[in-house]
């Protein structure tokens, strides 16, 4: 069995969570991503005993689907999402963001 890396300590700007997480995690290797995330929020007090990381995943997932990024849109019945055809207009790095979102979903599953 392969050994996990030591982990990643991230200081995240909560008000810009998607872009900040993208900048800090997009270029990390698969080996680095296998490590445990240790989250702190910039300017906030708190020690990550699991709650901050859980909050990070929750807030990041909400932001991924926010309409302002034009990455996803809801189906007509509002029960699911699909890639927004306007994503290239709203974000010139949209394909990198889709890749990042896929990696973060995988990370969530990996971390259980």
PDB file of N, CA and C in Angstrom:
ATOM      1  N   UNK A   1       0.847  -1.177   0.000  1.00  0.00           N
ATOM      2  CA  UNK A   1       0.000   0.000   0.000  1.00  0.00           C
ATOM      3  C   UNK A   1       0.890   1.237   0.000  1.00  0.00           C
ATOM      4  N   UNK A   2       0.555   2.212  -0.820  1.00  0.00           N
ATOM      5  CA  UNK A   2       1.346   3.425  -0.915  1.00  0.00           C
ATOM      6  C   UNK A   2       1.113   4.303   0.297  1.00  0.00           C
ATOM      7  N   UNK A   3       2.182   4.948   0.705  1.00  0.00           N
ATOM      8  CA  UNK A   3       2.130   5.835   1.860  1.00  0.00           C
ATOM      9  C   UNK A   3       1.503   7.165   1.473  1.00  0.00           C
ATOM     10  N   UNK A   4       0.660   7.694   2.342  1.00  0.00           N
ATOM     11  CA  UNK A   4       0.075   9.015   2.135  1.00  0.00           C
ATOM     12  C   UNK A   4       1.120  10.081   2.393  1.00  0.00           C
ATOM     13  N   UNK A   5       1.014  11.204   1.701  1.00  0.00           N
ATOM     14  CA  UNK A   5       1.921  12.304   2.009  1.00  0.00           C
ATOM     15  C   UNK A   5       1.503  12.920   3.336  1.00  0.00           C
ATOM     16  N   UNK A   6       2.346  13.769   3.880  1.00  0.00           N
ATOM     17  CA  UNK A   6       2.106  14.368   5.194  1.00  0.00           C
ATOM     18  C   UNK A   6       0.876  15.266   5.225  1.00  0.00           C
ATOM     19  N   UNK A   7       0.514  15.826   4.136  1.00  0.00           N
ATOM     20  CA  UNK A   7      -0.669  16.669   4.110  1.00  0.00           C
ATOM     21  C   UNK A   7      -0.375  18.072   3.640  1.00  0.00           C
ATOM     22  N   UNK A   8      -1.418  18.818   3.526  1.00  0.00           N
ATOM     23  CA  UNK A   8      -1.344  20.187   3.028  1.00  0.00           C
ATOM     24  C   UNK A   8      -1.987  21.131   4.024  1.00  0.00           C
ATOM     25  N   UNK A   9      -1.220  22.090   4.482  1.00  0.00           N
ATOM     26  CA  UNK A   9      -1.755  23.130   5.352  1.00  0.00           C
ATOM     27  C   UNK A   9      -2.094  24.322   4.461  1.00  0.00           C
ATOM     28  N   UNK A  10      -3.351  24.735   4.477  1.00  0.00           N
ATOM     29  CA  UNK A  10      -3.806  25.827   3.617  1.00  0.00           C
ATOM     30  C   UNK A  10      -4.437  26.940   4.434  1.00  0.00           C
ATOM     31  N   UNK A  11      -4.030  28.156   4.151  1.00  0.00           N
ATOM     32  CA  UNK A  11      -4.672  29.333   4.718  1.00  0.00           C
ATOM     33  C   UNK A  11      -5.562  29.882   3.611  1.00  0.00           C
ATOM     34  N   UNK A  12      -6.866  29.785   3.788  1.00  0.00           N
ATOM     35  CA  UNK A  12      -7.846  30.093   2.746  1.00  0.00           C
ATOM     36  C   UNK A  12      -8.566  31.401   3.053  1.00  0.00           C
ATOM     37  N   UNK A  13      -8.753  32.194   2.016  1.00  0.00           N
ATOM     38  CA  UNK A  13      -9.562  33.405   2.103  1.00  0.00           C
ATOM     39  C   UNK A  13     -11.013  33.000   1.874  1.00  0.00           C
ATOM     40  N   UNK A  14     -11.794  33.003   2.932  1.00  0.00           N
ATOM     41  CA  UNK A  14     -13.183  32.538   2.854  1.00  0.00           C
ATOM     42  C   UNK A  14     -14.007  33.347   1.840  1.00  0.00           C
ATOM     43  N   UNK A  15     -13.723  34.649   1.721  1.00  0.00           N
ATOM     44  CA  UNK A  15     -14.517  35.493   0.823  1.00  0.00           C
ATOM     45  C   UNK A  15     -14.209  35.233  -0.647  1.00  0.00           C
ATOM     46  N   UNK A  16     -13.164  34.467  -0.930  1.00  0.00           N
ATOM     47  CA  UNK A  16     -12.768  34.170  -2.301  1.00  0.00           C
ATOM     48  C   UNK A  16     -12.359  32.697  -2.386  1.00  0.00           C
ATOM     49  N   UNK A  17     -13.186  31.850  -1.807  1.00  0.00           N
ATOM     50  CA  UNK A  17     -12.812  30.462  -1.553  1.00  0.00           C
ATOM     51  C   UNK A  17     -12.508  29.655  -2.817  1.00  0.00           C
ATOM     52  N   UNK A  18     -13.292  29.802  -3.868  1.00  0.00           N
ATOM     53  CA  UNK A  18     -13.069  29.002  -5.071  1.00  0.00           C
ATOM     54  C   UNK A  18     -11.750  29.391  -5.733  1.00  0.00           C
ATOM     55  N   UNK A  19     -11.543  30.658  -5.983  1.00  0.00           N
ATOM     56  CA  UNK A  19     -10.318  31.095  -6.640  1.00  0.00           C
ATOM     57  C   UNK A  19      -9.097  30.828  -5.770  1.00  0.00           C
ATOM     58  N   UNK A  20      -9.217  31.061  -4.478  1.00  0.00           N
ATOM     59  CA  UNK A  20      -8.098  30.861  -3.571  1.00  0.00           C
ATOM     60  C   UNK A  20      -7.711  29.384  -3.494  1.00  0.00           C
ATOM     61  N   UNK A  21      -8.694  28.506  -3.365  1.00  0.00           N
ATOM     62  CA  UNK A  21      -8.424  27.067  -3.330  1.00  0.00           C
ATOM     63  C   UNK A  21      -7.846  26.598  -4.661  1.00  0.00           C
ATOM     64  N   UNK A  22      -8.379  27.109  -5.756  1.00  0.00           N
ATOM     65  CA  UNK A  22      -7.864  26.767  -7.087  1.00  0.00           C
ATOM     66  C   UNK A  22      -6.383  27.128  -7.180  1.00  0.00           C
ATOM     67  N   UNK A  23      -6.035  28.349  -6.794  1.00  0.00           N
ATOM     68  CA  UNK A  23      -4.648  28.812  -6.875  1.00  0.00           C
ATOM     69  C   UNK A  23      -3.719  27.960  -6.015  1.00  0.00           C
ATOM     70  N   UNK A  24      -4.188  27.519  -4.869  1.00  0.00           N
ATOM     71  CA  UNK A  24      -3.331  26.785  -3.943  1.00  0.00           C
ATOM     72  C   UNK A  24      -3.278  25.280  -4.211  1.00  0.00           C
ATOM     73  N   UNK A  25      -4.287  24.732  -4.871  1.00  0.00           N
ATOM     74  CA  UNK A  25      -4.347  23.281  -5.029  1.00  0.00           C
ATOM     75  C   UNK A  25      -4.239  22.777  -6.463  1.00  0.00           C
ATOM     76  N   UNK A  26      -4.513  23.613  -7.448  1.00  0.00           N
ATOM     77  CA  UNK A  26      -4.591  23.132  -8.829  1.00  0.00           C
ATOM     78  C   UNK A  26      -3.307  22.447  -9.289  1.00  0.00           C
ATOM     79  N   UNK A  27      -2.170  22.970  -8.923  1.00  0.00           N
ATOM     80  CA  UNK A  27      -0.901  22.431  -9.415  1.00  0.00           C
ATOM     81  C   UNK A  27      -0.279  21.391  -8.489  1.00  0.00           C
ATOM     82  N   UNK A  28      -0.996  20.971  -7.481  1.00  0.00           N
ATOM     83  CA  UNK A  28      -0.493  19.929  -6.579  1.00  0.00           C
ATOM     84  C   UNK A  28      -0.551  18.580  -7.283  1.00  0.00           C
ATOM     85  N   UNK A  29       0.441  17.755  -6.998  1.00  0.00           N
ATOM     86  CA  UNK A  29       0.487  16.424  -7.598  1.00  0.00           C
ATOM     87  C   UNK A  29      -0.553  15.512  -6.946  1.00  0.00           C
ATOM     88  N   UNK A  30      -0.795  14.385  -7.590  1.00  0.00           N
ATOM     89  CA  UNK A  30      -1.724  13.396  -7.032  1.00  0.00           C
ATOM     90  C   UNK A  30      -1.214  12.919  -5.673  1.00  0.00           C
ATOM     91  N   UNK A  31       0.084  12.745  -5.548  1.00  0.00           N
ATOM     92  CA  UNK A  31       0.664  12.308  -4.268  1.00  0.00           C
ATOM     93  C   UNK A  31       0.400  13.343  -3.181  1.00  0.00           C
ATOM     94  N   UNK A  32       0.599  14.614  -3.500  1.00  0.00           N
ATOM     95  CA  UNK A  32       0.347  15.674  -2.525  1.00  0.00           C
ATOM     96  C   UNK A  32      -1.136  15.732  -2.143  1.00  0.00           C
ATOM     97  N   UNK A  33      -2.009  15.504  -3.103  1.00  0.00           N
ATOM     98  CA  UNK A  33      -3.453  15.566  -2.848  1.00  0.00           C
ATOM     99  C   UNK A  33      -3.945  14.413  -1.992  1.00  0.00           C
ATOM    100  N   UNK A  34      -3.171  13.336  -1.888  1.00  0.00           N
ATOM    101  CA  UNK A  34      -3.584  12.214  -1.035  1.00  0.00           C
ATOM    102  C   UNK A  34      -3.445  12.540   0.443  1.00  0.00           C
ATOM    103  N   UNK A  35      -2.671  13.557   0.753  1.00  0.00           N
ATOM    104  CA  UNK A  35      -2.471  13.925   2.152  1.00  0.00           C
ATOM    105  C   UNK A  35      -3.680  14.617   2.743  1.00  0.00           C
ATOM    106  N   UNK A  36      -3.690  14.665   4.045  1.00  0.00           N
ATOM    107  CA  UNK A  36      -4.790  15.300   4.787  1.00  0.00           C
ATOM    108  C   UNK A  36      -4.711  16.821   4.624  1.00  0.00           C
ATOM    109  N   UNK A  37      -5.844  17.438   4.388  1.00  0.00           N
ATOM    110  CA  UNK A  37      -5.906  18.895   4.350  1.00  0.00           C
ATOM    111  C   UNK A  37      -6.032  19.427   5.771  1.00  0.00           C
ATOM    112  N   UNK A  38      -5.308  20.480   6.048  1.00  0.00           N
ATOM    113  CA  UNK A  38      -5.433  21.201   7.315  1.00  0.00           C
ATOM    114  C   UNK A  38      -5.750  22.639   6.944  1.00  0.00           C
ATOM    115  N   UNK A  39      -6.956  23.047   7.227  1.00  0.00           N
ATOM    116  CA  UNK A  39      -7.467  24.341   6.783  1.00  0.00           C
ATOM    117  C   UNK A  39      -7.462  25.353   7.917  1.00  0.00           C
ATOM    118  N   UNK A  40      -7.038  26.545   7.591  1.00  0.00           N
ATOM    119  CA  UNK A  40      -7.288  27.717   8.424  1.00  0.00           C
ATOM    120  C   UNK A  40      -7.864  28.761   7.485  1.00  0.00           C
ATOM    121  N   UNK A  41      -8.697  29.618   8.034  1.00  0.00           N
ATOM    122  CA  UNK A  41      -9.252  30.713   7.243  1.00  0.00           C
ATOM    123  C   UNK A  41      -8.495  31.981   7.590  1.00  0.00           C
ATOM    124  N   UNK A  42      -8.058  32.675   6.551  1.00  0.00           N
ATOM    125  CA  UNK A  42      -7.280  33.897   6.709  1.00  0.00           C
ATOM    126  C   UNK A  42      -8.028  34.887   7.606  1.00  0.00           C
ATOM    127  N   UNK A  43      -7.344  35.332   8.651  1.00  0.00           N
ATOM    128  CA  UNK A  43      -7.928  36.329   9.540  1.00  0.00           C
ATOM    129  C   UNK A  43      -8.914  35.785  10.558  1.00  0.00           C
ATOM    130  N   UNK A  44      -9.094  34.465  10.625  1.00  0.00           N
ATOM    131  CA  UNK A  44     -10.025  33.866  11.580  1.00  0.00           C
ATOM    132  C   UNK A  44      -9.245  32.957  12.524  1.00  0.00           C
ATOM    133  N   UNK A  45      -9.659  32.942  13.749  1.00  0.00           N
ATOM    134  CA  UNK A  45      -9.028  32.052  14.723  1.00  0.00           C
ATOM    135  C   UNK A  45      -9.703  30.687  14.665  1.00  0.00           C
ATOM    136  N   UNK A  46      -8.932  29.679  14.864  1.00  0.00           N
ATOM    137  CA  UNK A  46      -9.496  28.334  14.890  1.00  0.00           C
ATOM    138  C   UNK A  46      -8.433  27.302  14.599  1.00  0.00           C
ATOM    139  N   UNK A  47      -8.594  26.142  15.175  1.00  0.00           N
ATOM    140  CA  UNK A  47      -7.690  25.024  14.954  1.00  0.00           C
ATOM    141  C   UNK A  47      -8.483  23.958  14.232  1.00  0.00           C
ATOM    142  N   UNK A  48      -7.896  23.425  13.164  1.00  0.00           N
ATOM    143  CA  UNK A  48      -8.610  22.428  12.371  1.00  0.00           C
ATOM    144  C   UNK A  48      -8.499  21.055  13.000  1.00  0.00           C
ATOM    145  N   UNK A  49      -9.559  20.656  13.679  1.00  0.00           N
ATOM    146  CA  UNK A  49      -9.653  19.298  14.219  1.00  0.00           C
ATOM    147  C   UNK A  49     -10.653  18.511  13.376  1.00  0.00           C
ATOM    148  N   UNK A  50     -10.817  18.926  12.136  1.00  0.00           N
ATOM    149  CA  UNK A  50     -11.759  18.278  11.222  1.00  0.00           C
ATOM    150  C   UNK A  50     -12.915  19.172  10.845  1.00  0.00           C
ATOM    151  N   UNK A  51     -13.324  20.042  11.740  1.00  0.00           N
ATOM    152  CA  UNK A  51     -14.470  20.908  11.487  1.00  0.00           C
ATOM    153  C   UNK A  51     -14.201  21.966  10.434  1.00  0.00           C
ATOM    154  N   UNK A  52     -13.013  22.558  10.451  1.00  0.00           N
ATOM    155  CA  UNK A  52     -12.691  23.578   9.448  1.00  0.00           C
ATOM    156  C   UNK A  52     -12.564  22.963   8.062  1.00  0.00           C
ATOM    157  N   UNK A  53     -11.983  21.772   8.000  1.00  0.00           N
ATOM    158  CA  UNK A  53     -11.874  21.103   6.699  1.00  0.00           C
ATOM    159  C   UNK A  53     -13.255  20.741   6.172  1.00  0.00           C
ATOM    160  N   UNK A  54     -14.106  20.250   7.024  1.00  0.00           N
ATOM    161  CA  UNK A  54     -15.489  19.926   6.631  1.00  0.00           C
ATOM    162  C   UNK A  54     -16.210  21.183   6.151  1.00  0.00           C
ATOM    163  N   UNK A  55     -16.030  22.282   6.880  1.00  0.00           N
ATOM    164  CA  UNK A  55     -16.616  23.558   6.479  1.00  0.00           C
ATOM    165  C   UNK A  55     -16.049  24.015   5.134  1.00  0.00           C
ATOM    166  N   UNK A  56     -14.740  23.835   4.925  1.00  0.00           N
ATOM    167  CA  UNK A  56     -14.101  24.189   3.662  1.00  0.00           C
ATOM    168  C   UNK A  56     -14.744  23.433   2.506  1.00  0.00           C
ATOM    169  N   UNK A  57     -14.905  22.123   2.659  1.00  0.00           N
ATOM    170  CA  UNK A  57     -15.531  21.328   1.599  1.00  0.00           C
ATOM    171  C   UNK A  57     -16.966  21.795   1.322  1.00  0.00           C
ATOM    172  N   UNK A  58     -17.712  22.091   2.370  1.00  0.00           N
ATOM    173  CA  UNK A  58     -19.097  22.541   2.212  1.00  0.00           C
ATOM    174  C   UNK A  58     -19.162  23.876   1.495  1.00  0.00           C
ATOM    175  N   UNK A  59     -18.380  24.839   1.964  1.00  0.00           N
ATOM    176  CA  UNK A  59     -18.403  26.172   1.354  1.00  0.00           C
ATOM    177  C   UNK A  59     -17.855  26.158  -0.067  1.00  0.00           C
ATOM    178  N   UNK A  60     -16.819  25.363  -0.304  1.00  0.00           N
ATOM    179  CA  UNK A  60     -16.257  25.253  -1.647  1.00  0.00           C
ATOM    180  C   UNK A  60     -17.279  24.639  -2.605  1.00  0.00           C
ATOM    181  N   UNK A  61     -17.989  23.614  -2.165  1.00  0.00           N
ATOM    182  CA  UNK A  61     -18.977  22.983  -3.045  1.00  0.00           C
ATOM    183  C   UNK A  61     -20.116  23.938  -3.382  1.00  0.00           C
ATOM    184  N   UNK A  62     -20.517  24.776  -2.443  1.00  0.00           N
ATOM    185  CA  UNK A  62     -21.551  25.778  -2.739  1.00  0.00           C
ATOM    186  C   UNK A  62     -21.043  26.761  -3.779  1.00  0.00           C
ATOM    187  N   UNK A  63     -19.806  27.201  -3.613  1.00  0.00           N
ATOM    188  CA  UNK A  63     -19.249  28.207  -4.518  1.00  0.00           C
ATOM    189  C   UNK A  63     -19.024  27.659  -5.922  1.00  0.00           C
ATOM    190  N   UNK A  64     -18.691  26.383  -6.037  1.00  0.00           N
ATOM    191  CA  UNK A  64     -18.482  25.766  -7.352  1.00  0.00           C
ATOM    192  C   UNK A  64     -19.716  25.895  -8.239  1.00  0.00           C
ATOM    193  N   UNK A  65     -20.877  25.835  -7.607  1.00  0.00           N
ATOM    194  CA  UNK A  65     -22.132  25.855  -8.353  1.00  0.00           C
ATOM    195  C   UNK A  65     -22.796  27.225  -8.392  1.00  0.00           C
ATOM    196  N   UNK A  66     -22.140  28.240  -7.837  1.00  0.00           N
ATOM    197  CA  UNK A  66     -22.696  29.593  -7.853  1.00  0.00           C
ATOM    198  C   UNK A  66     -22.802  30.089  -9.290  1.00  0.00           C
ATOM    199  N   UNK A  67     -23.908  30.710  -9.606  1.00  0.00           N
ATOM    200  CA  UNK A  67     -24.167  31.169 -10.975  1.00  0.00           C
ATOM    201  C   UNK A  67     -23.158  32.198 -11.468  1.00  0.00           C
ATOM    202  N   UNK A  68     -22.550  32.947 -10.572  1.00  0.00           N
ATOM    203  CA  UNK A  68     -21.623  33.997 -10.991  1.00  0.00           C
ATOM    204  C   UNK A  68     -20.407  33.455 -11.744  1.00  0.00           C
ATOM    205  N   UNK A  69     -20.073  32.180 -11.546  1.00  0.00           N
ATOM    206  CA  UNK A  69     -18.919  31.600 -12.231  1.00  0.00           C
ATOM    207  C   UNK A  69     -19.278  31.028 -13.603  1.00  0.00           C
ATOM    208  N   UNK A  70     -20.556  30.863 -13.883  1.00  0.00           N
ATOM    209  CA  UNK A  70     -21.028  30.303 -15.150  1.00  0.00           C
ATOM    210  C   UNK A  70     -20.402  28.933 -15.461  1.00  0.00           C
ATOM    211  N   UNK A  71     -20.097  28.178 -14.429  1.00  0.00           N
ATOM    212  CA  UNK A  71     -19.536  26.846 -14.658  1.00  0.00           C
ATOM    213  C   UNK A  71     -20.628  25.798 -14.806  1.00  0.00           C
ATOM    214  N   UNK A  72     -21.663  25.919 -13.993  1.00  0.00           N
ATOM    215  CA  UNK A  72     -22.762  24.951 -14.035  1.00  0.00           C
ATOM    216  C   UNK A  72     -24.088  25.682 -14.074  1.00  0.00           C
ATOM    217  N   UNK A  73     -25.063  25.001 -14.615  1.00  0.00           N
ATOM    218  CA  UNK A  73     -26.430  25.507 -14.609  1.00  0.00           C
ATOM    219  C   UNK A  73     -27.350  24.367 -14.193  1.00  0.00           C
ATOM    220  N   UNK A  74     -28.497  24.717 -13.660  1.00  0.00           N
ATOM    221  CA  UNK A  74     -29.456  23.687 -13.207  1.00  0.00           C
ATOM    222  C   UNK A  74     -30.294  23.179 -14.370  1.00  0.00           C
ATOM    223  N   UNK A  75     -30.731  21.938 -14.216  1.00  0.00           N
ATOM    224  CA  UNK A  75     -31.680  21.393 -15.176  1.00  0.00           C
ATOM    225  C   UNK A  75     -33.012  22.109 -14.992  1.00  0.00           C
ATOM    226  N   UNK A  76     -33.914  21.946 -15.928  1.00  0.00           N
ATOM    227  CA  UNK A  76     -35.212  22.621 -15.857  1.00  0.00           C
ATOM    228  C   UNK A  76     -35.981  22.298 -14.584  1.00  0.00           C
ATOM    229  N   UNK A  77     -35.866  21.072 -14.102  1.00  0.00           N
ATOM    230  CA  UNK A  77     -36.595  20.716 -12.881  1.00  0.00           C
ATOM    231  C   UNK A  77     -35.814  21.073 -11.613  1.00  0.00           C
ATOM    232  N   UNK A  78     -34.570  21.595 -11.775  1.00  0.00           N
ATOM    233  CA  UNK A  78     -33.790  22.077 -10.646  1.00  0.00           C
ATOM    234  C   UNK A  78     -33.191  21.016  -9.751  1.00  0.00           C
ATOM    235  N   UNK A  79     -33.191  19.751 -10.200  1.00  0.00           N
ATOM    236  CA  UNK A  79     -32.698  18.679  -9.335  1.00  0.00           C
ATOM    237  C   UNK A  79     -31.234  18.322  -9.564  1.00  0.00           C
ATOM    238  N   UNK A  80     -30.660  18.783 -10.661  1.00  0.00           N
ATOM    239  CA  UNK A  80     -29.255  18.480 -10.925  1.00  0.00           C
ATOM    240  C   UNK A  80     -28.624  19.597 -11.755  1.00  0.00           C
ATOM    241  N   UNK A  81     -27.331  19.489 -11.932  1.00  0.00           N
ATOM    242  CA  UNK A  81     -26.562  20.499 -12.649  1.00  0.00           C
ATOM    243  C   UNK A  81     -25.864  19.880 -13.848  1.00  0.00           C
ATOM    244  N   UNK A  82     -25.542  20.720 -14.812  1.00  0.00           N
ATOM    245  CA  UNK A  82     -24.710  20.303 -15.932  1.00  0.00           C
ATOM    246  C   UNK A  82     -23.836  21.487 -16.325  1.00  0.00           C
ATOM    247  N   UNK A  83     -22.732  21.235 -17.056  1.00  0.00           N
ATOM    248  CA  UNK A  83     -21.849  22.344 -17.423  1.00  0.00           C
ATOM    249  C   UNK A  83     -22.602  23.415 -18.215  1.00  0.00           C
ATOM    250  N   UNK A  84     -22.342  24.642 -17.873  1.00  0.00           N
ATOM    251  CA  UNK A  84     -22.983  25.782 -18.527  1.00  0.00           C
ATOM    252  C   UNK A  84     -22.271  26.065 -19.845  1.00  0.00           C
ATOM    253  N   UNK A  85     -23.016  26.164 -20.933  1.00  0.00           N
ATOM    254  CA  UNK A  85     -22.426  26.410 -22.244  1.00  0.00           C
ATOM    255  C   UNK A  85     -21.740  27.775 -22.307  1.00  0.00           C
ATOM    256  N   UNK A  86     -22.037  28.658 -21.365  1.00  0.00           N
ATOM    257  CA  UNK A  86     -21.428  29.996 -21.342  1.00  0.00           C
ATOM    258  C   UNK A  86     -20.140  30.031 -20.523  1.00  0.00           C
ATOM    259  N   UNK A  87     -19.680  28.896 -20.045  1.00  0.00           N
ATOM    260  CA  UNK A  87     -18.540  28.901 -19.122  1.00  0.00           C
ATOM    261  C   UNK A  87     -17.288  29.536 -19.721  1.00  0.00           C
ATOM    262  N   UNK A  88     -17.059  29.376 -21.017  1.00  0.00           N
ATOM    263  CA  UNK A  88     -15.880  29.982 -21.659  1.00  0.00           C
ATOM    264  C   UNK A  88     -15.975  31.506 -21.676  1.00  0.00           C
ATOM    265  N   UNK A  89     -17.188  32.019 -21.681  1.00  0.00           N
ATOM    266  CA  UNK A  89     -17.389  33.467 -21.684  1.00  0.00           C
ATOM    267  C   UNK A  89     -17.121  34.024 -20.290  1.00  0.00           C
ATOM    268  N   UNK A  90     -17.610  33.341 -19.282  1.00  0.00           N
ATOM    269  CA  UNK A  90     -17.508  33.817 -17.910  1.00  0.00           C
ATOM    270  C   UNK A  90     -16.169  33.570 -17.255  1.00  0.00           C
ATOM    271  N   UNK A  91     -15.373  32.641 -17.799  1.00  0.00           N
ATOM    272  CA  UNK A  91     -14.122  32.281 -17.149  1.00  0.00           C
ATOM    273  C   UNK A  91     -13.181  31.708 -18.210  1.00  0.00           C
ATOM    274  N   UNK A  92     -12.160  32.459 -18.546  1.00  0.00           N
ATOM    275  CA  UNK A  92     -11.243  31.993 -19.599  1.00  0.00           C
ATOM    276  C   UNK A  92     -10.500  30.714 -19.209  1.00  0.00           C
ATOM    277  N   UNK A  93     -10.412  30.420 -17.925  1.00  0.00           N
ATOM    278  CA  UNK A  93      -9.774  29.190 -17.440  1.00  0.00           C
ATOM    279  C   UNK A  93     -10.806  28.129 -17.080  1.00  0.00           C
ATOM    280  N   UNK A  94     -11.959  28.170 -17.724  1.00  0.00           N
ATOM    281  CA  UNK A  94     -13.056  27.285 -17.327  1.00  0.00           C
ATOM    282  C   UNK A  94     -12.683  25.807 -17.374  1.00  0.00           C
ATOM    283  N   UNK A  95     -11.898  25.368 -18.337  1.00  0.00           N
ATOM    284  CA  UNK A  95     -11.540  23.952 -18.411  1.00  0.00           C
ATOM    285  C   UNK A  95     -10.646  23.553 -17.234  1.00  0.00           C
ATOM    286  N   UNK A  96      -9.756  24.450 -16.826  1.00  0.00           N
ATOM    287  CA  UNK A  96      -8.933  24.185 -15.640  1.00  0.00           C
ATOM    288  C   UNK A  96      -9.804  24.113 -14.389  1.00  0.00           C
ATOM    289  N   UNK A  97     -10.815  24.963 -14.318  1.00  0.00           N
ATOM    290  CA  UNK A  97     -11.711  24.930 -13.160  1.00  0.00           C
ATOM    291  C   UNK A  97     -12.529  23.638 -13.133  1.00  0.00           C
ATOM    292  N   UNK A  98     -12.983  23.172 -14.295  1.00  0.00           N
ATOM    293  CA  UNK A  98     -13.711  21.895 -14.328  1.00  0.00           C
ATOM    294  C   UNK A  98     -12.801  20.750 -13.859  1.00  0.00           C
ATOM    295  N   UNK A  99     -11.550  20.761 -14.298  1.00  0.00           N
ATOM    296  CA  UNK A  99     -10.588  19.740 -13.860  1.00  0.00           C
ATOM    297  C   UNK A  99     -10.385  19.835 -12.349  1.00  0.00           C
ATOM    298  N   UNK A 100     -10.217  21.046 -11.852  1.00  0.00           N
ATOM    299  CA  UNK A 100     -10.034  21.257 -10.419  1.00  0.00           C
ATOM    300  C   UNK A 100     -11.237  20.754  -9.632  1.00  0.00           C
ATOM    301  N   UNK A 101     -12.428  21.054 -10.091  1.00  0.00           N
ATOM    302  CA  UNK A 101     -13.643  20.615  -9.406  1.00  0.00           C
ATOM    303  C   UNK A 101     -13.707  19.090  -9.377  1.00  0.00           C
ATOM    304  N   UNK A 102     -13.356  18.443 -10.471  1.00  0.00           N
ATOM    305  CA  UNK A 102     -13.320  16.988 -10.500  1.00  0.00           C
ATOM    306  C   UNK A 102     -12.329  16.430  -9.494  1.00  0.00           C
ATOM    307  N   UNK A 103     -11.170  17.056  -9.400  1.00  0.00           N
ATOM    308  CA  UNK A 103     -10.163  16.622  -8.428  1.00  0.00           C
ATOM    309  C   UNK A 103     -10.651  16.830  -6.996  1.00  0.00           C
ATOM    310  N   UNK A 104     -11.370  17.920  -6.753  1.00  0.00           N
ATOM    311  CA  UNK A 104     -11.874  18.178  -5.404  1.00  0.00           C
ATOM    312  C   UNK A 104     -12.980  17.203  -5.030  1.00  0.00           C
ATOM    313  N   UNK A 105     -13.811  16.824  -5.978  1.00  0.00           N
ATOM    314  CA  UNK A 105     -14.827  15.805  -5.719  1.00  0.00           C
ATOM    315  C   UNK A 105     -14.138  14.487  -5.363  1.00  0.00           C
ATOM    316  N   UNK A 106     -13.102  14.141  -6.133  1.00  0.00           N
ATOM    317  CA  UNK A 106     -12.336  12.924  -5.843  1.00  0.00           C
ATOM    318  C   UNK A 106     -11.683  13.006  -4.464  1.00  0.00           C
ATOM    319  N   UNK A 107     -11.172  14.181  -4.119  1.00  0.00           N
ATOM    320  CA  UNK A 107     -10.544  14.375  -2.806  1.00  0.00           C
ATOM    321  C   UNK A 107     -11.561  14.171  -1.687  1.00  0.00           C
ATOM    322  N   UNK A 108     -12.752  14.696  -1.865  1.00  0.00           N
ATOM    323  CA  UNK A 108     -13.818  14.512  -0.865  1.00  0.00           C
ATOM    324  C   UNK A 108     -14.129  13.030  -0.677  1.00  0.00           C
ATOM    325  N   UNK A 109     -14.231  12.302  -1.767  1.00  0.00           N
ATOM    326  CA  UNK A 109     -14.513  10.870  -1.697  1.00  0.00           C
ATOM    327  C   UNK A 109     -13.348  10.144  -1.030  1.00  0.00           C
ATOM    328  N   UNK A 110     -12.143  10.489  -1.406  1.00  0.00           N
ATOM    329  CA  UNK A 110     -10.939   9.879  -0.832  1.00  0.00           C
ATOM    330  C   UNK A 110     -10.878  10.107   0.672  1.00  0.00           C
ATOM    331  N   UNK A 111     -11.225  11.317   1.091  1.00  0.00           N
ATOM    332  CA  UNK A 111     -11.198  11.658   2.520  1.00  0.00           C
ATOM    333  C   UNK A 111     -12.425  11.161   3.285  1.00  0.00           C
ATOM    334  N   UNK A 112     -13.382  10.622   2.581  1.00  0.00           N
ATOM    335  CA  UNK A 112     -14.634  10.097   3.141  1.00  0.00           C
ATOM    336  C   UNK A 112     -15.456  11.204   3.740  1.00  0.00           C
TER     337      UNK A 112
END
